[in-house]
Amino acid sequence: MNDEDLQMLFFKTIANKTRFKIVKSLEDKPKSVNQLVKDTGYEQTLVSHNLKVLKENGFVEVKQDGKYRYYNLDKENVAPMMNAIERHVQKQKKHEQ
């Protein structure tokens, strides 16, 4: 894949409402699938499927702790990007007033 294709894949990954909601839920701390199910209101299979996509595309990292897996946002790239999105949203809200 060339750079442009990878950039489009990035936006396609985050544009999905389910994945975006999972990413937003992970902003404050790492969580297990069960915690994400509770936070998002989605079924476990839907959350697990979308976590797999997020992991494959570098949005989340996984840590094993006993029988549980904890998912965390990529701190280097994704967490700062989510902060930038929030700043942009707040700026846009000011322009609409």
PDB file of N, CA and C in Angstrom:
ATOM      1  N   MET A   1       0.834  -1.190   0.000  1.00  0.00           N
ATOM      2  CA  MET A   1       0.000   0.000   0.000  1.00  0.00           C
ATOM      3  C   MET A   1       0.876   1.250   0.000  1.00  0.00           C
ATOM      4  N   ASN A   2       0.446   2.229  -0.761  1.00  0.00           N
ATOM      5  CA  ASN A   2       1.201   3.481  -0.769  1.00  0.00           C
ATOM      6  C   ASN A   2       0.721   4.376   0.381  1.00  0.00           C
ATOM      7  N   ASP A   3       1.403   5.492   0.557  1.00  0.00           N
ATOM      8  CA  ASP A   3       1.091   6.396   1.675  1.00  0.00           C
ATOM      9  C   ASP A   3      -0.346   6.891   1.630  1.00  0.00           C
ATOM     10  N   GLU A   4      -0.810   7.248   0.455  1.00  0.00           N
ATOM     11  CA  GLU A   4      -2.180   7.760   0.324  1.00  0.00           C
ATOM     12  C   GLU A   4      -3.205   6.698   0.725  1.00  0.00           C
ATOM     13  N   ASP A   5      -2.986   5.459   0.304  1.00  0.00           N
ATOM     14  CA  ASP A   5      -3.889   4.361   0.678  1.00  0.00           C
ATOM     15  C   ASP A   5      -3.896   4.160   2.187  1.00  0.00           C
ATOM     16  N   LEU A   6      -2.723   4.232   2.815  1.00  0.00           N
ATOM     17  CA  LEU A   6      -2.638   4.069   4.266  1.00  0.00           C
ATOM     18  C   LEU A   6      -3.332   5.220   4.992  1.00  0.00           C
ATOM     19  N   GLN A   7      -3.226   6.434   4.450  1.00  0.00           N
ATOM     20  CA  GLN A   7      -3.916   7.574   5.046  1.00  0.00           C
ATOM     21  C   GLN A   7      -5.427   7.403   4.936  1.00  0.00           C
ATOM     22  N   MET A   8      -5.907   6.940   3.800  1.00  0.00           N
ATOM     23  CA  MET A   8      -7.342   6.703   3.622  1.00  0.00           C
ATOM     24  C   MET A   8      -7.823   5.595   4.558  1.00  0.00           C
ATOM     25  N   LEU A   9      -7.015   4.567   4.743  1.00  0.00           N
ATOM     26  CA  LEU A   9      -7.365   3.485   5.661  1.00  0.00           C
ATOM     27  C   LEU A   9      -7.470   4.003   7.084  1.00  0.00           C
ATOM     28  N   PHE A  10      -6.588   4.916   7.445  1.00  0.00           N
ATOM     29  CA  PHE A  10      -6.628   5.529   8.765  1.00  0.00           C
ATOM     30  C   PHE A  10      -7.982   6.200   8.989  1.00  0.00           C
ATOM     31  N   PHE A  11      -8.400   7.039   8.063  1.00  0.00           N
ATOM     32  CA  PHE A  11      -9.670   7.754   8.215  1.00  0.00           C
ATOM     33  C   PHE A  11     -10.867   6.818   8.128  1.00  0.00           C
ATOM     34  N   LYS A  12     -10.774   5.805   7.299  1.00  0.00           N
ATOM     35  CA  LYS A  12     -11.850   4.816   7.204  1.00  0.00           C
ATOM     36  C   LYS A  12     -11.999   4.080   8.538  1.00  0.00           C
ATOM     37  N   THR A  13     -10.891   3.778   9.167  1.00  0.00           N
ATOM     38  CA  THR A  13     -10.921   3.068  10.448  1.00  0.00           C
ATOM     39  C   THR A  13     -11.613   3.896  11.511  1.00  0.00           C
ATOM     40  N   ILE A  14     -11.286   5.145  11.633  1.00  0.00           N
ATOM     41  CA  ILE A  14     -11.818   5.985  12.706  1.00  0.00           C
ATOM     42  C   ILE A  14     -13.208   6.533  12.363  1.00  0.00           C
ATOM     43  N   ALA A  15     -13.594   6.510  11.082  1.00  0.00           N
ATOM     44  CA  ALA A  15     -14.904   7.042  10.683  1.00  0.00           C
ATOM     45  C   ALA A  15     -16.060   6.132  11.082  1.00  0.00           C
ATOM     46  N   ASN A  16     -15.774   4.880  11.379  1.00  0.00           N
ATOM     47  CA  ASN A  16     -16.807   3.951  11.811  1.00  0.00           C
ATOM     48  C   ASN A  16     -17.280   4.336  13.211  1.00  0.00           C
ATOM     49  N   LYS A  17     -18.590   4.491  13.392  1.00  0.00           N
ATOM     50  CA  LYS A  17     -19.148   4.971  14.658  1.00  0.00           C
ATOM     51  C   LYS A  17     -18.807   4.047  15.834  1.00  0.00           C
ATOM     52  N   THR A  18     -18.867   2.750  15.617  1.00  0.00           N
ATOM     53  CA  THR A  18     -18.555   1.790  16.688  1.00  0.00           C
ATOM     54  C   THR A  18     -17.112   1.931  17.117  1.00  0.00           C
ATOM     55  N   ARG A  19     -16.200   1.963  16.157  1.00  0.00           N
ATOM     56  CA  ARG A  19     -14.779   2.085  16.485  1.00  0.00           C
ATOM     57  C   ARG A  19     -14.480   3.426  17.132  1.00  0.00           C
ATOM     58  N   PHE A  20     -15.118   4.495  16.651  1.00  0.00           N
ATOM     59  CA  PHE A  20     -14.895   5.804  17.245  1.00  0.00           C
ATOM     60  C   PHE A  20     -15.349   5.816  18.704  1.00  0.00           C
ATOM     61  N   LYS A  21     -16.489   5.197  18.984  1.00  0.00           N
ATOM     62  CA  LYS A  21     -17.001   5.139  20.356  1.00  0.00           C
ATOM     63  C   LYS A  21     -16.061   4.326  21.258  1.00  0.00           C
ATOM     64  N   ILE A  22     -15.487   3.261  20.731  1.00  0.00           N
ATOM     65  CA  ILE A  22     -14.519   2.457  21.488  1.00  0.00           C
ATOM     66  C   ILE A  22     -13.274   3.294  21.782  1.00  0.00           C
ATOM     67  N   VAL A  23     -12.777   3.991  20.780  1.00  0.00           N
ATOM     68  CA  VAL A  23     -11.592   4.847  20.968  1.00  0.00           C
ATOM     69  C   VAL A  23     -11.874   5.904  22.031  1.00  0.00           C
ATOM     70  N   LYS A  24     -13.038   6.551  21.953  1.00  0.00           N
ATOM     71  CA  LYS A  24     -13.403   7.569  22.952  1.00  0.00           C
ATOM     72  C   LYS A  24     -13.450   6.957  24.354  1.00  0.00           C
ATOM     73  N   SER A  25     -13.949   5.739  24.467  1.00  0.00           N
ATOM     74  CA  SER A  25     -14.031   5.070  25.766  1.00  0.00           C
ATOM     75  C   SER A  25     -12.650   4.765  26.335  1.00  0.00           C
ATOM     76  N   LEU A  26     -11.684   4.558  25.458  1.00  0.00           N
ATOM     77  CA  LEU A  26     -10.326   4.213  25.899  1.00  0.00           C
ATOM     78  C   LEU A  26      -9.465   5.441  26.214  1.00  0.00           C
ATOM     79  N   GLU A  27     -10.001   6.634  26.026  1.00  0.00           N
ATOM     80  CA  GLU A  27      -9.202   7.839  26.262  1.00  0.00           C
ATOM     81  C   GLU A  27      -8.757   7.980  27.710  1.00  0.00           C
ATOM     82  N   ASP A  28      -9.583   7.563  28.650  1.00  0.00           N
ATOM     83  CA  ASP A  28      -9.246   7.784  30.056  1.00  0.00           C
ATOM     84  C   ASP A  28      -8.380   6.700  30.673  1.00  0.00           C
ATOM     85  N   LYS A  29      -8.542   5.432  30.240  1.00  0.00           N
ATOM     86  CA  LYS A  29      -7.725   4.351  30.816  1.00  0.00           C
ATOM     87  C   LYS A  29      -7.888   3.078  30.001  1.00  0.00           C
ATOM     88  N   PRO A  30      -6.958   2.128  30.154  1.00  0.00           N
ATOM     89  CA  PRO A  30      -7.090   0.835  29.485  1.00  0.00           C
ATOM     90  C   PRO A  30      -8.331   0.107  30.011  1.00  0.00           C
ATOM     91  N   LYS A  31      -8.944  -0.683  29.140  1.00  0.00           N
ATOM     92  CA  LYS A  31     -10.159  -1.401  29.527  1.00  0.00           C
ATOM     93  C   LYS A  31     -10.199  -2.782  28.898  1.00  0.00           C
ATOM     94  N   SER A  32     -10.919  -3.668  29.559  1.00  0.00           N
ATOM     95  CA  SER A  32     -11.163  -5.002  29.023  1.00  0.00           C
ATOM     96  C   SER A  32     -12.345  -4.942  28.060  1.00  0.00           C
ATOM     97  N   VAL A  33     -12.555  -6.023  27.324  1.00  0.00           N
ATOM     98  CA  VAL A  33     -13.705  -6.097  26.419  1.00  0.00           C
ATOM     99  C   VAL A  33     -14.994  -5.907  27.212  1.00  0.00           C
ATOM    100  N   ASN A  34     -15.103  -6.551  28.370  1.00  0.00           N
ATOM    101  CA  ASN A  34     -16.323  -6.428  29.176  1.00  0.00           C
ATOM    102  C   ASN A  34     -16.578  -4.979  29.594  1.00  0.00           C
ATOM    103  N   GLN A  35     -15.530  -4.264  29.959  1.00  0.00           N
ATOM    104  CA  GLN A  35     -15.690  -2.856  30.325  1.00  0.00           C
ATOM    105  C   GLN A  35     -16.124  -2.029  29.118  1.00  0.00           C
ATOM    106  N   LEU A  36     -15.573  -2.337  27.958  1.00  0.00           N
ATOM    107  CA  LEU A  36     -15.948  -1.614  26.737  1.00  0.00           C
ATOM    108  C   LEU A  36     -17.391  -1.921  26.334  1.00  0.00           C
ATOM    109  N   VAL A  37     -17.815  -3.156  26.531  1.00  0.00           N
ATOM    110  CA  VAL A  37     -19.210  -3.521  26.259  1.00  0.00           C
ATOM    111  C   VAL A  37     -20.140  -2.686  27.134  1.00  0.00           C
ATOM    112  N   LYS A  38     -19.787  -2.575  28.401  1.00  0.00           N
ATOM    113  CA  LYS A  38     -20.597  -1.789  29.337  1.00  0.00           C
ATOM    114  C   LYS A  38     -20.600  -0.307  28.950  1.00  0.00           C
ATOM    115  N   ASP A  39     -19.438   0.236  28.612  1.00  0.00           N
ATOM    116  CA  ASP A  39     -19.321   1.658  28.254  1.00  0.00           C
ATOM    117  C   ASP A  39     -20.076   2.009  26.971  1.00  0.00           C
ATOM    118  N   THR A  40     -19.968   1.138  25.966  1.00  0.00           N
ATOM    119  CA  THR A  40     -20.515   1.463  24.650  1.00  0.00           C
ATOM    120  C   THR A  40     -21.955   1.004  24.454  1.00  0.00           C
ATOM    121  N   GLY A  41     -22.357  -0.030  25.186  1.00  0.00           N
ATOM    122  CA  GLY A  41     -23.693  -0.581  24.990  1.00  0.00           C
ATOM    123  C   GLY A  41     -23.787  -1.535  23.813  1.00  0.00           C
ATOM    124  N   TYR A  42     -22.654  -1.836  23.195  1.00  0.00           N
ATOM    125  CA  TYR A  42     -22.635  -2.760  22.063  1.00  0.00           C
ATOM    126  C   TYR A  42     -22.440  -4.196  22.555  1.00  0.00           C
ATOM    127  N   GLU A  43     -22.821  -5.152  21.716  1.00  0.00           N
ATOM    128  CA  GLU A  43     -22.631  -6.566  22.045  1.00  0.00           C
ATOM    129  C   GLU A  43     -21.149  -6.913  22.018  1.00  0.00           C
ATOM    130  N   GLN A  44     -20.789  -7.930  22.789  1.00  0.00           N
ATOM    131  CA  GLN A  44     -19.396  -8.346  22.941  1.00  0.00           C
ATOM    132  C   GLN A  44     -18.757  -8.698  21.603  1.00  0.00           C
ATOM    133  N   THR A  45     -19.487  -9.394  20.744  1.00  0.00           N
ATOM    134  CA  THR A  45     -18.892  -9.793  19.458  1.00  0.00           C
ATOM    135  C   THR A  45     -18.590  -8.574  18.592  1.00  0.00           C
ATOM    136  N   LEU A  46     -19.462  -7.569  18.624  1.00  0.00           N
ATOM    137  CA  LEU A  46     -19.236  -6.347  17.850  1.00  0.00           C
ATOM    138  C   LEU A  46     -18.018  -5.588  18.373  1.00  0.00           C
ATOM    139  N   VAL A  47     -17.914  -5.490  19.699  1.00  0.00           N
ATOM    140  CA  VAL A  47     -16.764  -4.813  20.313  1.00  0.00           C
ATOM    141  C   VAL A  47     -15.477  -5.560  19.969  1.00  0.00           C
ATOM    142  N   SER A  48     -15.486  -6.874  20.120  1.00  0.00           N
ATOM    143  CA  SER A  48     -14.284  -7.675  19.838  1.00  0.00           C
ATOM    144  C   SER A  48     -13.857  -7.546  18.382  1.00  0.00           C
ATOM    145  N   HIS A  49     -14.805  -7.617  17.469  1.00  0.00           N
ATOM    146  CA  HIS A  49     -14.494  -7.489  16.037  1.00  0.00           C
ATOM    147  C   HIS A  49     -13.844  -6.137  15.753  1.00  0.00           C
ATOM    148  N   ASN A  50     -14.420  -5.081  16.300  1.00  0.00           N
ATOM    149  CA  ASN A  50     -13.896  -3.740  16.038  1.00  0.00           C
ATOM    150  C   ASN A  50     -12.577  -3.481  16.748  1.00  0.00           C
ATOM    151  N   LEU A  51     -12.360  -4.097  17.903  1.00  0.00           N
ATOM    152  CA  LEU A  51     -11.049  -4.007  18.561  1.00  0.00           C
ATOM    153  C   LEU A  51      -9.970  -4.644  17.696  1.00  0.00           C
ATOM    154  N   LYS A  52     -10.322  -5.724  17.038  1.00  0.00           N
ATOM    155  CA  LYS A  52      -9.368  -6.392  16.148  1.00  0.00           C
ATOM    156  C   LYS A  52      -8.966  -5.443  15.013  1.00  0.00           C
ATOM    157  N   VAL A  53      -9.938  -4.760  14.423  1.00  0.00           N
ATOM    158  CA  VAL A  53      -9.652  -3.803  13.350  1.00  0.00           C
ATOM    159  C   VAL A  53      -8.796  -2.654  13.879  1.00  0.00           C
ATOM    160  N   LEU A  54      -9.159  -2.142  15.053  1.00  0.00           N
ATOM    161  CA  LEU A  54      -8.384  -1.043  15.653  1.00  0.00           C
ATOM    162  C   LEU A  54      -6.943  -1.469  15.939  1.00  0.00           C
ATOM    163  N   LYS A  55      -6.774  -2.694  16.414  1.00  0.00           N
ATOM    164  CA  LYS A  55      -5.425  -3.203  16.699  1.00  0.00           C
ATOM    165  C   LYS A  55      -4.630  -3.369  15.402  1.00  0.00           C
ATOM    166  N   GLU A  56      -5.243  -3.956  14.389  1.00  0.00           N
ATOM    167  CA  GLU A  56      -4.560  -4.167  13.106  1.00  0.00           C
ATOM    168  C   GLU A  56      -4.110  -2.854  12.471  1.00  0.00           C
ATOM    169  N   ASN A  57      -4.835  -1.784  12.758  1.00  0.00           N
ATOM    170  CA  ASN A  57      -4.524  -0.487  12.155  1.00  0.00           C
ATOM    171  C   ASN A  57      -3.793   0.443  13.105  1.00  0.00           C
ATOM    172  N   GLY A  58      -3.289  -0.094  14.222  1.00  0.00           N
ATOM    173  CA  GLY A  58      -2.400   0.656  15.100  1.00  0.00           C
ATOM    174  C   GLY A  58      -3.066   1.631  16.051  1.00  0.00           C
ATOM    175  N   PHE A  59      -4.367   1.559  16.204  1.00  0.00           N
ATOM    176  CA  PHE A  59      -5.062   2.477  17.107  1.00  0.00           C
ATOM    177  C   PHE A  59      -4.970   2.041  18.560  1.00  0.00           C
ATOM    178  N   VAL A  60      -4.988   0.742  18.789  1.00  0.00           N
ATOM    179  CA  VAL A  60      -4.945   0.234  20.159  1.00  0.00           C
ATOM    180  C   VAL A  60      -3.826  -0.781  20.327  1.00  0.00           C
ATOM    181  N   GLU A  61      -3.396  -0.900  21.577  1.00  0.00           N
ATOM    182  CA  GLU A  61      -2.417  -1.904  21.978  1.00  0.00           C
ATOM    183  C   GLU A  61      -3.110  -2.819  22.975  1.00  0.00           C
ATOM    184  N   VAL A  62      -2.621  -4.048  23.079  1.00  0.00           N
ATOM    185  CA  VAL A  62      -3.244  -5.033  23.968  1.00  0.00           C
ATOM    186  C   VAL A  62      -2.212  -5.534  24.965  1.00  0.00           C
ATOM    187  N   LYS A  63      -2.628  -5.593  26.229  1.00  0.00           N
ATOM    188  CA  LYS A  63      -1.783  -6.159  27.288  1.00  0.00           C
ATOM    189  C   LYS A  63      -2.559  -7.294  27.943  1.00  0.00           C
ATOM    190  N   GLN A  64      -1.895  -8.431  28.113  1.00  0.00           N
ATOM    191  CA  GLN A  64      -2.498  -9.585  28.773  1.00  0.00           C
ATOM    192  C   GLN A  64      -2.224  -9.497  30.271  1.00  0.00           C
ATOM    193  N   ASP A  65      -3.266  -9.672  31.077  1.00  0.00           N
ATOM    194  CA  ASP A  65      -3.124  -9.695  32.537  1.00  0.00           C
ATOM    195  C   ASP A  65      -3.951 -10.865  33.048  1.00  0.00           C
ATOM    196  N   GLY A  66      -3.268 -12.001  33.252  1.00  0.00           N
ATOM    197  CA  GLY A  66      -3.985 -13.215  33.622  1.00  0.00           C
ATOM    198  C   GLY A  66      -4.875 -13.643  32.473  1.00  0.00           C
ATOM    199  N   LYS A  67      -6.157 -13.851  32.769  1.00  0.00           N
ATOM    200  CA  LYS A  67      -7.070 -14.274  31.709  1.00  0.00           C
ATOM    201  C   LYS A  67      -7.708 -13.094  30.977  1.00  0.00           C
ATOM    202  N   TYR A  68      -7.389 -11.878  31.378  1.00  0.00           N
ATOM    203  CA  TYR A  68      -7.981 -10.685  30.759  1.00  0.00           C
ATOM    204  C   TYR A  68      -7.004 -10.001  29.814  1.00  0.00           C
ATOM    205  N   ARG A  69      -7.563  -9.413  28.792  1.00  0.00           N
ATOM    206  CA  ARG A  69      -6.808  -8.565  27.873  1.00  0.00           C
ATOM    207  C   ARG A  69      -7.292  -7.144  28.089  1.00  0.00           C
ATOM    208  N   TYR A  70      -6.348  -6.224  28.212  1.00  0.00           N
ATOM    209  CA  TYR A  70      -6.692  -4.822  28.381  1.00  0.00           C
ATOM    210  C   TYR A  70      -6.242  -4.051  27.149  1.00  0.00           C
ATOM    211  N   TYR A  71      -7.147  -3.256  26.649  1.00  0.00           N
ATOM    212  CA  TYR A  71      -6.901  -2.470  25.448  1.00  0.00           C
ATOM    213  C   TYR A  71      -6.625  -1.032  25.839  1.00  0.00           C
ATOM    214  N   ASN A  72      -5.637  -0.456  25.171  1.00  0.00           N
ATOM    215  CA  ASN A  72      -5.189   0.895  25.478  1.00  0.00           C
ATOM    216  C   ASN A  72      -4.958   1.632  24.161  1.00  0.00           C
ATOM    217  N   LEU A  73      -5.264   2.927  24.140  1.00  0.00           N
ATOM    218  CA  LEU A  73      -4.966   3.721  22.956  1.00  0.00           C
ATOM    219  C   LEU A  73      -3.471   3.811  22.741  1.00  0.00           C
ATOM    220  N   ASP A  74      -3.064   3.855  21.495  1.00  0.00           N
ATOM    221  CA  ASP A  74      -1.671   4.130  21.161  1.00  0.00           C
ATOM    222  C   ASP A  74      -1.357   5.533  21.670  1.00  0.00           C
ATOM    223  N   LYS A  75      -0.514   5.613  22.686  1.00  0.00           N
ATOM    224  CA  LYS A  75      -0.214   6.883  23.366  1.00  0.00           C
ATOM    225  C   LYS A  75       0.593   7.847  22.495  1.00  0.00           C
ATOM    226  N   GLU A  76       1.409   7.306  21.614  1.00  0.00           N
ATOM    227  CA  GLU A  76       2.295   8.156  20.821  1.00  0.00           C
ATOM    228  C   GLU A  76       1.559   8.896  19.709  1.00  0.00           C
ATOM    229  N   ASN A  77       0.604   8.220  19.057  1.00  0.00           N
ATOM    230  CA  ASN A  77      -0.035   8.824  17.892  1.00  0.00           C
ATOM    231  C   ASN A  77      -1.534   9.067  18.046  1.00  0.00           C
ATOM    232  N   VAL A  78      -2.256   8.083  18.517  1.00  0.00           N
ATOM    233  CA  VAL A  78      -3.714   8.181  18.533  1.00  0.00           C
ATOM    234  C   VAL A  78      -4.214   9.091  19.649  1.00  0.00           C
ATOM    235  N   ALA A  79      -3.674   8.969  20.842  1.00  0.00           N
ATOM    236  CA  ALA A  79      -4.129   9.822  21.954  1.00  0.00           C
ATOM    237  C   ALA A  79      -3.938  11.311  21.626  1.00  0.00           C
ATOM    238  N   PRO A  80      -2.770  11.743  21.124  1.00  0.00           N
ATOM    239  CA  PRO A  80      -2.630  13.157  20.758  1.00  0.00           C
ATOM    240  C   PRO A  80      -3.588  13.578  19.631  1.00  0.00           C
ATOM    241  N   MET A  81      -3.843  12.660  18.692  1.00  0.00           N
ATOM    242  CA  MET A  81      -4.770  12.962  17.612  1.00  0.00           C
ATOM    243  C   MET A  81      -6.182  13.182  18.158  1.00  0.00           C
ATOM    244  N   MET A  82      -6.597  12.367  19.127  1.00  0.00           N
ATOM    245  CA  MET A  82      -7.918  12.528  19.725  1.00  0.00           C
ATOM    246  C   MET A  82      -8.010  13.855  20.471  1.00  0.00           C
ATOM    247  N   ASN A  83      -6.928  14.262  21.108  1.00  0.00           N
ATOM    248  CA  ASN A  83      -6.896  15.582  21.758  1.00  0.00           C
ATOM    249  C   ASN A  83      -7.030  16.698  20.724  1.00  0.00           C
ATOM    250  N   ALA A  84      -6.366  16.546  19.593  1.00  0.00           N
ATOM    251  CA  ALA A  84      -6.448  17.546  18.530  1.00  0.00           C
ATOM    252  C   ALA A  84      -7.862  17.611  17.958  1.00  0.00           C
ATOM    253  N   ILE A  85      -8.510  16.476  17.826  1.00  0.00           N
ATOM    254  CA  ILE A  85      -9.893  16.455  17.342  1.00  0.00           C
ATOM    255  C   ILE A  85     -10.797  17.196  18.319  1.00  0.00           C
ATOM    256  N   GLU A  86     -10.610  16.958  19.600  1.00  0.00           N
ATOM    257  CA  GLU A  86     -11.431  17.633  20.612  1.00  0.00           C
ATOM    258  C   GLU A  86     -11.215  19.148  20.569  1.00  0.00           C
ATOM    259  N   ARG A  87      -9.972  19.579  20.412  1.00  0.00           N
ATOM    260  CA  ARG A  87      -9.693  21.015  20.298  1.00  0.00           C
ATOM    261  C   ARG A  87     -10.381  21.602  19.060  1.00  0.00           C
ATOM    262  N   HIS A  88     -10.331  20.861  17.975  1.00  0.00           N
ATOM    263  CA  HIS A  88     -10.966  21.302  16.737  1.00  0.00           C
ATOM    264  C   HIS A  88     -12.486  21.418  16.926  1.00  0.00           C
ATOM    265  N   VAL A  89     -13.083  20.453  17.569  1.00  0.00           N
ATOM    266  CA  VAL A  89     -14.535  20.472  17.815  1.00  0.00           C
ATOM    267  C   VAL A  89     -14.907  21.694  18.660  1.00  0.00           C
ATOM    268  N   GLN A  90     -14.137  21.949  19.705  1.00  0.00           N
ATOM    269  CA  GLN A  90     -14.423  23.106  20.561  1.00  0.00           C
ATOM    270  C   GLN A  90     -14.294  24.414  19.785  1.00  0.00           C
ATOM    271  N   LYS A  91     -13.307  24.494  18.917  1.00  0.00           N
ATOM    272  CA  LYS A  91     -13.109  25.684  18.075  1.00  0.00           C
ATOM    273  C   LYS A  91     -14.299  25.863  17.131  1.00  0.00           C
ATOM    274  N   GLN A  92     -14.745  24.768  16.543  1.00  0.00           N
ATOM    275  CA  GLN A  92     -15.881  24.835  15.617  1.00  0.00           C
ATOM    276  C   GLN A  92     -17.164  25.245  16.348  1.00  0.00           C
ATOM    277  N   LYS A  93     -17.333  24.764  17.575  1.00  0.00           N
ATOM    278  CA  LYS A  93     -18.522  25.135  18.351  1.00  0.00           C
ATOM    279  C   LYS A  93     -18.563  26.636  18.620  1.00  0.00           C
ATOM    280  N   LYS A  94     -17.407  27.230  18.848  1.00  0.00           N
ATOM    281  CA  LYS A  94     -17.332  28.673  19.078  1.00  0.00           C
ATOM    282  C   LYS A  94     -17.743  29.444  17.830  1.00  0.00           C
ATOM    283  N   HIS A  95     -17.372  28.933  16.656  1.00  0.00           N
ATOM    284  CA  HIS A  95     -17.711  29.600  15.400  1.00  0.00           C
ATOM    285  C   HIS A  95     -19.211  29.523  15.105  1.00  0.00           C
ATOM    286  N   GLU A  96     -19.876  28.502  15.619  1.00  0.00           N
ATOM    287  CA  GLU A  96     -21.306  28.326  15.362  1.00  0.00           C
ATOM    288  C   GLU A  96     -22.169  29.220  16.246  1.00  0.00           C
ATOM    289  N   GLN A  97     -21.610  29.746  17.298  1.00  0.00           N
ATOM    290  CA  GLN A  97     -22.398  30.561  18.237  1.00  0.00           C
ATOM    291  C   GLN A  97     -22.638  31.952  17.721  1.00  0.00           C
TER     292      GLN A  97
END
